[in-house]
């Protein structure tokens, strides 16, 4: 999702001049006016015939050649972050190009529009300067590639529908279709910028073209949307640099491109009563101090793993705890562990969700290619409430896992079976159960059932660290379990 960019300074200057001209040509006075005409400038082929108070522009955009290295979402580049505060843009370029329909300020209502943008770095619709646009029953289409994936991903250059500088767009009963690299369909950028989407169908075909996207504290709220993306690094729902907030209810989404998860978060994303499938990627990815919450939603990922929790240090996400919360619904991982975490602190909260995996691994925490070797493992807390947890829990020597099981939760799998983890702590309440499938190694065990009857050992041995103060209740003893196995101190 993160792109390394080398743009010639003169090219950037030309793009800036062109974009500035578009802004100048679309400026209006501060008088609020409303247009309800169904045939306005937005449908015109050329801005010279504009008749609406909201100005349409169709300016030619200078080609700003750029060399872009574009790894897919979920696998950003190695190395340290660029200069600048993490989670914010590392340069001062915030222009987002021209648009076929441009509105600066004012309040405008439009219906039954057909708006097509076909120039490079040209959005279909762009509203700026605290403007308010209500757009209904319209058909929006986009061709013409971006000159910069970074500017498209961070600031909405070349987007379909773009709200910037504290503007608001209400989009309903419409379709948005983009067929160009760097053409994110619906994009809100900047604090106070909000797009409300209802009963909308979204389709993107090229790379770096997400369905719903928010950056730099922008917000997207969507209800009853259908999203399809086909390009690489094109999540159905995504936030990028500088955080963003997306709230989605009743969505269906399918992504088929490599590295295109159903959800990619470097902000705050909540999805409810939806169905999202990724055939070329994970179901969901969270980077850094950000979150995804899914409620009564079906998530499916065919490649790599189910949910990935990590920090790339690319500069797009602040360092901190990564949080994934799932209430009800179904999570399916057709490859790899259901949950995978690396180079971050992470929390996984599960309540009443159905988990499906094909590899027998529930959770793996381990070092990967991001971060500093030797300190780039993960520390994961798994909180399970009324859950069935299928599969083993594993970690490498620089990673730790804390698992808290309550309210009739059942874990069916081994814990740290190869004794590779830095530490693994397990807490069981009286109503929860651990069905052990292989010899396991715990750092600490806390069990509200002092008789350990909620551990179904199946003849396996569970080792614990007798020197840990949390295990003092075991008195360093070897305890026979009901299924022929035993709980015993590990030999140093």
Protein backbone atom coordinates (compact mmCIF):
# COMPACT_ATOMS: atom_id res chain seq x y z
CA UNK A 1 0.00 0.00 0.00
CA UNK A 2 2.96 2.24 0.51
CA UNK A 3 4.71 3.58 -2.53
CA UNK A 4 8.27 4.84 -2.90
CA UNK A 5 8.23 7.77 -5.29
CA UNK A 6 10.82 9.64 -7.31
CA UNK A 7 9.19 12.62 -9.04
CA UNK A 8 11.20 15.24 -10.90
CA UNK A 9 10.94 18.62 -9.20
CA UNK A 10 9.99 20.36 -12.43
CA UNK A 11 7.21 17.87 -13.06
CA UNK A 12 5.73 18.48 -9.61
CA UNK A 13 5.86 22.22 -10.27
CA UNK A 14 3.99 21.81 -13.56
CA UNK A 15 1.33 19.64 -11.87
CA UNK A 16 0.96 22.23 -9.13
CA UNK A 17 0.53 25.05 -11.66
CA UNK A 18 -2.07 23.06 -13.58
CA UNK A 19 -4.00 22.18 -10.40
CA UNK A 20 -3.84 25.80 -9.23
CA UNK A 21 -5.39 26.89 -12.52
CA UNK A 22 -8.24 24.46 -12.01
CA UNK A 23 -8.89 25.88 -8.55
CA UNK A 24 -8.84 29.42 -9.87
CA UNK A 25 -11.27 28.61 -12.65
CA UNK A 26 -13.72 27.01 -10.23
CA UNK A 27 -13.74 29.65 -7.51
CA UNK A 28 -17.07 31.21 -6.54
CA UNK A 29 -18.26 33.83 -4.09
CA UNK A 30 -19.45 32.91 -0.61
CA UNK A 31 -23.19 33.10 -1.37
CA UNK A 32 -24.89 29.77 -0.71
CA UNK A 33 -26.98 28.63 -3.65
CA UNK A 34 -28.77 25.39 -4.47
CA UNK A 35 -29.18 23.95 -7.96
CA UNK A 36 -31.86 21.30 -8.49
CA UNK A 37 -31.58 21.21 -12.26
CA UNK A 38 -31.06 17.73 -13.72
CA UNK A 39 -29.03 19.15 -16.60
CA UNK A 40 -26.15 21.22 -15.29
CA UNK A 41 -22.52 21.90 -16.02
CA UNK A 42 -21.51 18.57 -14.54
CA UNK A 43 -22.91 16.86 -17.61
CA UNK A 44 -21.17 19.14 -20.07
CA UNK A 45 -18.27 17.94 -22.20
CA UNK A 46 -16.41 21.25 -21.82
CA UNK A 47 -16.33 23.81 -19.04
CA UNK A 48 -16.94 26.63 -21.52
CA UNK A 49 -20.65 25.70 -21.61
CA UNK A 50 -21.14 25.68 -17.85
CA UNK A 51 -24.47 27.09 -16.68
CA UNK A 52 -24.64 26.00 -13.04
CA UNK A 53 -23.36 28.01 -10.09
CA UNK A 54 -21.16 24.97 -9.42
CA UNK A 55 -18.43 25.13 -12.06
CA UNK A 56 -17.34 22.21 -14.23
CA UNK A 57 -13.72 22.07 -15.36
CA UNK A 58 -12.10 19.94 -18.01
CA UNK A 59 -8.57 21.32 -18.01
CA UNK A 60 -5.78 19.38 -19.64
CA UNK A 61 -3.31 18.06 -17.11
CA UNK A 62 0.41 18.07 -17.73
CA UNK A 63 1.92 14.59 -17.58
CA UNK A 64 4.21 14.41 -14.57
CA UNK A 65 6.27 11.31 -15.17
CA UNK A 66 7.10 9.35 -12.05
CA UNK A 67 8.91 6.17 -11.22
CA UNK A 68 6.79 4.26 -8.73
CA UNK A 69 7.59 1.11 -6.83
CA UNK A 70 4.28 -0.23 -5.62
CA UNK A 71 4.26 -3.19 -3.24
CA UNK A 72 0.77 -4.53 -2.49
CA UNK A 73 -1.26 -3.67 0.57
CA UNK A 74 -0.26 -5.80 3.52
CA UNK A 75 3.41 -5.88 2.48
CA UNK A 76 4.86 -2.36 2.53
CA UNK A 77 8.57 -1.75 1.96
CA UNK A 78 11.30 -2.55 4.42
CA UNK A 79 13.27 0.09 6.25
CA UNK A 80 12.77 3.10 8.43
CA UNK A 81 9.96 5.64 7.96
CA UNK A 82 10.50 8.73 5.84
CA UNK A 83 11.10 12.05 7.50
CA UNK A 84 8.05 13.59 9.09
CA UNK A 85 5.77 12.59 11.91
CA UNK A 86 4.43 9.04 11.51
CA UNK A 87 0.84 8.97 10.38
CA UNK A 88 1.15 12.29 8.58
CA UNK A 89 2.32 13.27 5.12
CA UNK A 90 6.08 13.57 4.94
CA UNK A 91 6.00 16.35 2.35
CA UNK A 92 4.10 19.57 1.86
CA UNK A 93 2.29 18.56 -1.34
CA UNK A 94 -1.42 18.47 -0.58
CA UNK A 95 -2.94 19.43 -3.93
CA UNK A 96 -5.29 16.84 -5.36
CA UNK A 97 -5.57 17.84 -9.00
CA UNK A 98 -8.47 18.91 -11.16
CA UNK A 99 -11.97 17.47 -11.54
CA UNK A 100 -14.66 17.24 -14.17
CA UNK A 101 -17.09 18.71 -11.66
CA UNK A 102 -15.50 21.14 -9.21
CA UNK A 103 -17.25 22.92 -6.35
CA UNK A 104 -15.59 25.39 -4.01
CA UNK A 105 -17.76 26.22 -1.01
CA UNK A 106 -21.53 26.69 -1.36
CA UNK A 107 -24.35 24.14 -1.03
CA UNK A 108 -25.48 22.44 -4.22
CA UNK A 109 -28.02 19.69 -4.95
CA UNK A 110 -27.77 17.71 -8.18
CA UNK A 111 -29.69 14.73 -9.51
CA UNK A 112 -29.59 12.40 -12.52
CA UNK A 113 -26.12 13.45 -13.60
CA UNK A 114 -23.80 11.62 -15.99
CA UNK A 115 -20.26 12.75 -15.29
CA UNK A 116 -17.20 11.26 -16.98
CA UNK A 117 -13.59 12.23 -16.26
CA UNK A 118 -10.94 11.00 -18.66
CA UNK A 119 -7.85 13.11 -17.98
CA UNK A 120 -4.78 12.15 -15.93
CA UNK A 121 -4.92 13.47 -12.36
CA UNK A 122 -8.55 14.47 -12.85
CA UNK A 123 -11.25 13.40 -10.41
CA UNK A 124 -14.87 12.99 -11.41
CA UNK A 125 -16.25 15.13 -8.60
CA UNK A 126 -14.30 17.31 -6.18
CA UNK A 127 -15.74 19.51 -3.43
CA UNK A 128 -13.47 21.81 -1.42
CA UNK A 129 -13.47 24.75 1.00
CA UNK A 130 -16.33 23.58 3.25
CA UNK A 131 -18.63 23.04 0.31
CA UNK A 132 -21.69 20.82 0.54
CA UNK A 133 -22.88 18.69 -2.37
CA UNK A 134 -25.90 16.39 -2.50
CA UNK A 135 -25.68 14.13 -5.55
CA UNK A 136 -28.34 11.52 -6.28
CA UNK A 137 -29.32 9.08 -9.04
CA UNK A 138 -26.15 9.71 -11.00
CA UNK A 139 -23.63 7.77 -13.07
CA UNK A 140 -19.97 8.62 -12.50
CA UNK A 141 -17.06 7.20 -14.49
CA UNK A 142 -13.31 7.72 -14.53
CA UNK A 143 -10.42 7.02 -16.93
CA UNK A 144 -6.94 8.54 -17.04
CA UNK A 145 -4.18 7.35 -14.73
CA UNK A 146 -2.53 9.16 -11.85
CA UNK A 147 0.95 10.61 -12.16
CA UNK A 148 1.64 9.68 -8.52
CA UNK A 149 0.34 6.71 -6.54
CA UNK A 150 1.43 8.42 -3.32
CA UNK A 151 -0.59 11.56 -4.01
CA UNK A 152 -3.58 9.45 -5.00
CA UNK A 153 -3.34 7.35 -1.86
CA UNK A 154 -2.65 10.20 0.55
CA UNK A 155 -4.55 13.18 -0.89
CA UNK A 156 -7.10 11.81 -3.36
CA UNK A 157 -5.45 12.84 -6.61
CA UNK A 158 -7.33 11.25 -9.55
CA UNK A 159 -10.15 9.96 -7.33
CA UNK A 160 -13.74 9.30 -8.31
CA UNK A 161 -15.62 11.33 -5.69
CA UNK A 162 -13.38 13.55 -3.56
CA UNK A 163 -14.18 15.68 -0.50
CA UNK A 164 -11.36 17.89 0.80
CA UNK A 165 -10.77 20.87 3.11
CA UNK A 166 -13.73 20.28 5.44
CA UNK A 167 -16.29 19.63 2.71
CA UNK A 168 -19.29 17.30 2.78
CA UNK A 169 -20.72 15.13 0.02
CA UNK A 170 -23.99 13.19 0.18
CA UNK A 171 -23.95 10.52 -2.55
CA UNK A 172 -26.92 8.18 -3.02
CA UNK A 173 -28.65 5.92 -5.55
CA UNK A 174 -25.66 6.18 -7.86
CA UNK A 175 -22.81 4.25 -9.46
CA UNK A 176 -19.09 5.07 -9.39
CA UNK A 177 -16.82 3.26 -11.83
CA UNK A 178 -13.09 3.88 -12.24
CA UNK A 179 -10.74 2.27 -14.73
CA UNK A 180 -7.35 3.88 -14.16
CA UNK A 181 -4.35 3.42 -11.89
CA UNK A 182 -4.63 5.46 -8.71
CA UNK A 183 -8.36 6.07 -9.09
CA UNK A 184 -9.84 5.47 -5.65
CA UNK A 185 -13.62 5.56 -5.99
CA UNK A 186 -14.80 7.48 -2.90
CA UNK A 187 -12.19 9.53 -1.03
CA UNK A 188 -12.40 11.91 1.95
CA UNK A 189 -9.22 13.71 3.00
CA UNK A 190 -8.54 16.27 5.70
CA UNK A 191 -10.13 16.94 9.06
CA UNK A 192 -13.81 17.79 8.71
CA UNK A 193 -14.11 16.29 5.23
CA UNK A 194 -16.96 13.77 5.13
CA UNK A 195 -18.66 11.68 2.48
CA UNK A 196 -21.98 9.96 3.16
CA UNK A 197 -22.68 7.10 0.75
CA UNK A 198 -25.99 5.26 0.51
CA UNK A 199 -27.34 2.76 -2.04
CA UNK A 200 -24.26 3.10 -4.23
CA UNK A 201 -22.50 0.59 -6.48
CA UNK A 202 -18.71 0.96 -6.77
CA UNK A 203 -16.41 -0.76 -9.25
CA UNK A 204 -12.69 -0.18 -9.77
CA UNK A 205 -10.57 -2.06 -12.30
CA UNK A 206 -6.97 -0.84 -12.07
CA UNK A 207 -4.20 -0.79 -9.43
CA UNK A 208 -4.22 1.42 -6.31
CA UNK A 209 -7.96 1.96 -6.69
CA UNK A 210 -9.84 1.34 -3.46
CA UNK A 211 -13.57 1.42 -3.00
CA UNK A 212 -13.97 3.61 0.09
CA UNK A 213 -10.94 5.54 1.35
CA UNK A 214 -10.20 8.19 3.99
CA UNK A 215 -6.97 9.95 4.93
CA UNK A 216 -5.67 12.77 7.13
CA UNK A 217 -8.68 12.54 9.50
CA UNK A 218 -11.29 12.45 6.75
CA UNK A 219 -14.48 10.40 7.24
CA UNK A 220 -16.60 8.12 5.05
CA UNK A 221 -19.97 6.78 6.20
CA UNK A 222 -21.55 4.17 3.94
CA UNK A 223 -24.82 2.22 4.00
CA UNK A 224 -25.97 -0.45 1.55
CA UNK A 225 -23.01 -0.31 -0.81
CA UNK A 226 -21.71 -2.84 -3.33
CA UNK A 227 -17.96 -2.77 -3.96
CA UNK A 228 -15.81 -4.65 -6.46
CA UNK A 229 -12.12 -4.03 -7.06
CA UNK A 230 -9.89 -5.90 -9.51
CA UNK A 231 -6.49 -4.19 -9.31
CA UNK A 232 -3.51 -4.77 -7.05
CA UNK A 233 -3.34 -2.98 -3.70
CA UNK A 234 -7.02 -2.07 -4.01
CA UNK A 235 -8.83 -2.84 -0.77
CA UNK A 236 -12.61 -2.55 -0.75
CA UNK A 237 -12.43 -0.38 2.38
CA UNK A 238 -9.26 1.47 3.37
CA UNK A 239 -7.65 4.30 5.25
CA UNK A 240 -4.18 5.63 4.57
CA UNK A 241 -1.70 8.24 5.80
CA UNK A 242 -2.73 10.52 8.64
CA UNK A 243 -5.55 8.29 9.85
CA UNK A 244 -9.12 8.31 8.67
CA UNK A 245 -12.48 7.03 9.86
CA UNK A 246 -14.81 4.77 7.90
CA UNK A 247 -18.16 3.42 9.10
CA UNK A 248 -19.90 0.88 6.88
CA UNK A 249 -23.24 -0.91 7.26
CA UNK A 250 -24.75 -3.47 4.90
CA UNK A 251 -21.93 -3.72 2.38
CA UNK A 252 -21.03 -6.47 -0.02
CA UNK A 253 -17.50 -6.41 -1.32
CA UNK A 254 -15.17 -8.54 -3.40
CA UNK A 255 -11.52 -7.89 -4.19
CA UNK A 256 -9.58 -10.02 -6.67
CA UNK A 257 -6.25 -8.23 -7.03
CA UNK A 258 -2.98 -9.27 -5.41
CA UNK A 259 -2.51 -7.62 -2.04
CA UNK A 260 -6.06 -6.27 -1.93
CA UNK A 261 -7.71 -7.17 1.38
CA UNK A 262 -11.34 -6.59 2.13
CA UNK A 263 -10.30 -4.02 4.77
CA UNK A 264 -6.99 -2.20 5.22
CA UNK A 265 -6.73 0.12 8.22
CA UNK A 266 -4.28 2.81 9.17
CA UNK A 267 -7.13 4.55 10.96
CA UNK A 268 -10.46 3.58 12.53
CA UNK A 269 -12.76 1.33 10.52
CA UNK A 270 -16.08 -0.17 11.66
CA UNK A 271 -18.02 -2.57 9.44
CA UNK A 272 -21.40 -4.05 10.38
CA UNK A 273 -23.80 -6.54 8.78
CA UNK A 274 -21.62 -6.93 5.72
CA UNK A 275 -19.94 -9.55 3.52
CA UNK A 276 -16.38 -8.97 2.29
CA UNK A 277 -14.27 -11.43 0.29
CA UNK A 278 -10.64 -11.10 -0.82
CA UNK A 279 -9.40 -13.71 -3.27
CA UNK A 280 -5.90 -12.29 -3.72
CA UNK A 281 -5.08 -11.24 -0.18
CA UNK A 282 -5.87 -11.40 3.51
CA UNK A 283 -9.38 -10.69 4.70
CA UNK A 284 -8.21 -7.70 6.74
CA UNK A 285 -4.98 -5.86 7.61
CA UNK A 286 -4.27 -3.32 10.35
CA UNK A 287 -1.07 -1.31 10.56
CA UNK A 288 0.20 0.47 13.67
CA UNK A 289 -1.89 2.20 16.32
CA UNK A 290 -5.16 1.71 14.50
CA UNK A 291 -8.21 -0.52 14.54
CA UNK A 292 -10.85 -2.54 12.74
CA UNK A 293 -14.17 -3.46 14.38
CA UNK A 294 -16.50 -5.87 12.58
CA UNK A 295 -19.99 -6.68 13.78
CA UNK A 296 -22.09 -9.56 12.41
CA UNK A 297 -19.97 -9.53 9.28
CA UNK A 298 -18.51 -12.24 7.06
CA UNK A 299 -14.80 -11.78 6.23
CA UNK A 300 -12.86 -14.11 3.97
CA UNK A 301 -9.26 -14.08 2.75
CA UNK A 302 -7.78 -16.61 0.33
CA UNK A 303 -4.07 -15.67 0.46
CA UNK A 304 -1.36 -15.50 3.16
CA UNK A 305 -3.54 -15.40 6.30
CA UNK A 306 -6.89 -14.29 7.67
CA UNK A 307 -6.09 -11.08 9.57
CA UNK A 308 -2.68 -9.42 9.69
CA UNK A 309 -1.65 -7.08 12.53
CA UNK A 310 1.68 -5.32 12.02
CA UNK A 311 3.81 -2.19 11.77
CA UNK A 312 5.87 -1.47 8.65
CA UNK A 313 7.58 1.74 9.81
CA UNK A 314 6.82 3.23 6.40
CA UNK A 315 5.53 6.40 8.06
CA UNK A 316 1.88 5.80 7.25
CA UNK A 317 0.82 4.57 10.69
CA UNK A 318 1.80 5.73 14.15
CA UNK A 319 3.52 3.21 16.39
CA UNK A 320 1.23 1.73 19.03
CA UNK A 321 -1.25 -1.00 19.78
CA UNK A 322 -3.06 -2.57 16.85
CA UNK A 323 -6.63 -3.64 17.71
CA UNK A 324 -8.95 -6.05 15.90
CA UNK A 325 -12.43 -6.58 17.36
CA UNK A 326 -15.01 -9.02 16.03
CA UNK A 327 -18.52 -9.46 17.40
CA UNK A 328 -20.45 -12.28 15.77
CA UNK A 329 -20.05 -13.01 12.09
CA UNK A 330 -17.58 -15.33 10.37
CA UNK A 331 -13.86 -15.04 9.63
CA UNK A 332 -12.37 -17.48 7.11
CA UNK A 333 -8.66 -17.91 6.39
CA UNK A 334 -8.06 -20.21 3.44
CA UNK A 335 -4.27 -19.96 3.84
CA UNK A 336 -1.91 -19.38 6.76
CA UNK A 337 -2.96 -18.71 10.36
CA UNK A 338 -6.30 -17.11 11.10
CA UNK A 339 -4.42 -14.30 12.89
CA UNK A 340 -0.83 -13.23 12.27
CA UNK A 341 1.05 -10.46 14.05
CA UNK A 342 4.54 -9.04 13.61
CA UNK A 343 6.53 -6.00 14.71
CA UNK A 344 3.78 -4.52 16.88
CA UNK A 345 1.75 -4.67 20.08
CA UNK A 346 -1.65 -6.13 19.20
CA UNK A 347 -4.99 -6.94 20.79
CA UNK A 348 -7.55 -9.33 19.31
CA UNK A 349 -11.03 -9.17 20.85
CA UNK A 350 -13.46 -11.92 19.84
CA UNK A 351 -17.03 -12.44 20.97
CA UNK A 352 -19.35 -15.03 19.45
CA UNK A 353 -17.57 -15.11 16.09
CA UNK A 354 -17.17 -18.18 13.92
CA UNK A 355 -13.55 -18.79 12.94
CA UNK A 356 -12.51 -21.06 10.07
CA UNK A 357 -8.98 -21.97 9.05
CA UNK A 358 -7.27 -24.60 6.91
CA UNK A 359 -3.81 -24.80 8.49
CA UNK A 360 -4.61 -25.66 12.10
CA UNK A 361 -3.06 -22.43 13.41
CA UNK A 362 -5.27 -19.94 15.21
CA UNK A 363 -2.66 -17.31 16.04
CA UNK A 364 1.00 -16.86 15.17
CA UNK A 365 3.20 -14.05 16.50
CA UNK A 366 6.65 -13.77 14.97
CA UNK A 367 9.36 -11.57 13.48
CA UNK A 368 9.12 -10.83 9.78
CA UNK A 369 10.84 -8.48 7.34
CA UNK A 370 9.71 -5.26 9.01
CA UNK A 371 11.48 -3.52 11.87
CA UNK A 372 14.84 -4.10 13.54
CA UNK A 373 16.08 -7.67 13.67
CA UNK A 374 15.94 -8.99 17.19
CA UNK A 375 13.20 -6.65 18.38
CA UNK A 376 10.60 -7.02 15.64
CA UNK A 377 8.47 -9.77 17.08
CA UNK A 378 4.93 -9.22 18.33
CA UNK A 379 3.22 -9.06 21.71
CA UNK A 380 -0.38 -10.16 21.29
CA UNK A 381 -3.28 -10.24 23.75
CA UNK A 382 -6.16 -12.51 22.72
CA UNK A 383 -9.43 -11.86 24.55
CA UNK A 384 -12.09 -14.49 23.78
CA UNK A 385 -15.68 -14.27 25.04
CA UNK A 386 -18.16 -17.08 24.25
CA UNK A 387 -15.85 -18.31 21.50
CA UNK A 388 -14.75 -21.49 19.83
CA UNK A 389 -11.07 -21.08 19.00
CA UNK A 390 -9.92 -23.62 16.41
CA UNK A 391 -6.20 -24.25 16.06
CA UNK A 392 -2.91 -23.83 17.87
CA UNK A 393 -1.27 -20.74 19.32
CA UNK A 394 2.37 -20.27 18.30
CA UNK A 395 5.13 -17.68 18.65
CA UNK A 396 8.83 -17.27 18.06
CA UNK A 397 11.57 -16.51 20.58
CA UNK A 398 11.05 -12.73 20.53
CA UNK A 399 7.24 -12.80 20.60
CA UNK A 400 4.73 -13.15 23.43
CA UNK A 401 1.08 -14.10 23.67
CA UNK A 402 -1.46 -13.61 26.44
CA UNK A 403 -4.73 -15.53 26.01
CA UNK A 404 -7.76 -14.75 28.17
CA UNK A 405 -10.68 -17.18 27.80
CA UNK A 406 -14.04 -16.51 29.42
CA UNK A 407 -17.80 -17.10 29.20
CA UNK A 408 -17.88 -20.63 27.78
CA UNK A 409 -14.97 -20.19 25.41
CA UNK A 410 -13.30 -23.35 24.09
CA UNK A 411 -9.79 -23.50 22.68
CA UNK A 412 -9.13 -26.58 20.55
CA UNK A 413 -5.41 -26.71 19.89
CA UNK A 414 -1.91 -26.75 21.33
CA UNK A 415 -0.19 -23.75 22.88
CA UNK A 416 3.46 -23.13 22.04
CA UNK A 417 3.96 -26.80 21.13
CA UNK A 418 7.59 -26.33 20.00
CA UNK A 419 8.50 -24.27 23.09
CA UNK A 420 9.71 -21.44 20.88
CA UNK A 421 7.83 -18.48 22.38
CA UNK A 422 9.38 -15.79 24.51
CA UNK A 423 6.35 -16.19 26.77
CA UNK A 424 2.78 -17.46 26.67
CA UNK A 425 0.27 -16.75 29.44
CA UNK A 426 -3.12 -18.46 29.61
CA UNK A 427 -6.09 -17.50 31.78
CA UNK A 428 -9.24 -19.65 31.96
CA UNK A 429 -12.43 -18.89 33.83
CA UNK A 430 -14.52 -21.76 35.26
CA UNK A 431 -16.86 -21.84 32.29
CA UNK A 432 -14.17 -22.05 29.63
CA UNK A 433 -12.29 -25.07 28.34
CA UNK A 434 -8.98 -25.97 26.73
CA UNK A 435 -8.96 -29.09 24.55
CA UNK A 436 -5.26 -29.91 24.21
CA UNK A 437 -4.12 -31.44 20.92
CA UNK A 438 -0.34 -31.69 21.52
CA UNK A 439 2.20 -31.21 24.30
CA UNK A 440 2.21 -27.51 25.20
CA UNK A 441 4.45 -25.01 26.96
CA UNK A 442 3.08 -22.18 29.09
CA UNK A 443 4.89 -19.45 30.94
CA UNK A 444 1.96 -18.97 33.30
CA UNK A 445 -1.40 -20.66 33.85
CA UNK A 446 -4.27 -19.02 35.71
CA UNK A 447 -7.38 -21.17 36.09
CA UNK A 448 -10.49 -20.33 38.10
CA UNK A 449 -11.13 -24.07 38.30
CA UNK A 450 -8.55 -25.19 40.85
CA UNK A 451 -9.25 -28.83 39.98
CA UNK A 452 -8.27 -28.18 36.35
CA UNK A 453 -11.31 -30.11 35.15
CA UNK A 454 -11.72 -27.59 32.32
CA UNK A 455 -8.48 -28.81 30.73
CA UNK A 456 -9.15 -31.75 28.40
CA UNK A 457 -5.57 -33.00 28.12
CA UNK A 458 -6.06 -35.99 25.79
CA UNK A 459 -2.98 -37.59 27.34
CA UNK A 460 -0.68 -34.66 26.55
CA UNK A 461 1.78 -32.94 28.86
CA UNK A 462 1.47 -29.25 29.69
CA UNK A 463 4.65 -27.60 30.93
CA UNK A 464 4.74 -24.45 33.06
CA UNK A 465 7.40 -22.17 34.54
CA UNK A 466 7.54 -22.94 38.25
CA UNK A 467 9.63 -19.80 38.91
CA UNK A 468 6.89 -17.44 37.71
CA UNK A 469 5.04 -15.86 40.64
CA UNK A 470 1.71 -16.25 38.85
CA UNK A 471 2.20 -20.03 39.10
CA UNK A 472 2.76 -20.07 42.85
CA UNK A 473 -0.64 -21.69 43.32
CA UNK A 474 0.75 -24.83 41.62
CA UNK A 475 3.53 -25.14 44.23
CA UNK A 476 5.94 -26.40 41.60
CA UNK A 477 4.14 -29.73 41.58
CA UNK A 478 3.40 -32.24 38.84
CA UNK A 479 -0.36 -32.70 38.63
CA UNK A 480 -2.04 -35.62 36.91
CA UNK A 481 -4.83 -34.61 34.56
CA UNK A 482 -8.05 -36.50 33.94
CA UNK A 483 -7.16 -37.71 30.46
CA UNK A 484 -3.85 -39.33 31.38
CA UNK A 485 -1.67 -36.32 30.74
CA UNK A 486 0.00 -34.08 33.29
CA UNK A 487 0.78 -30.50 34.21
CA UNK A 488 4.43 -30.27 35.19
CA UNK A 489 7.24 -27.74 35.61
CA UNK A 490 9.42 -27.30 32.56
CA UNK A 491 13.01 -28.46 32.87
CA UNK A 492 15.55 -25.67 32.45
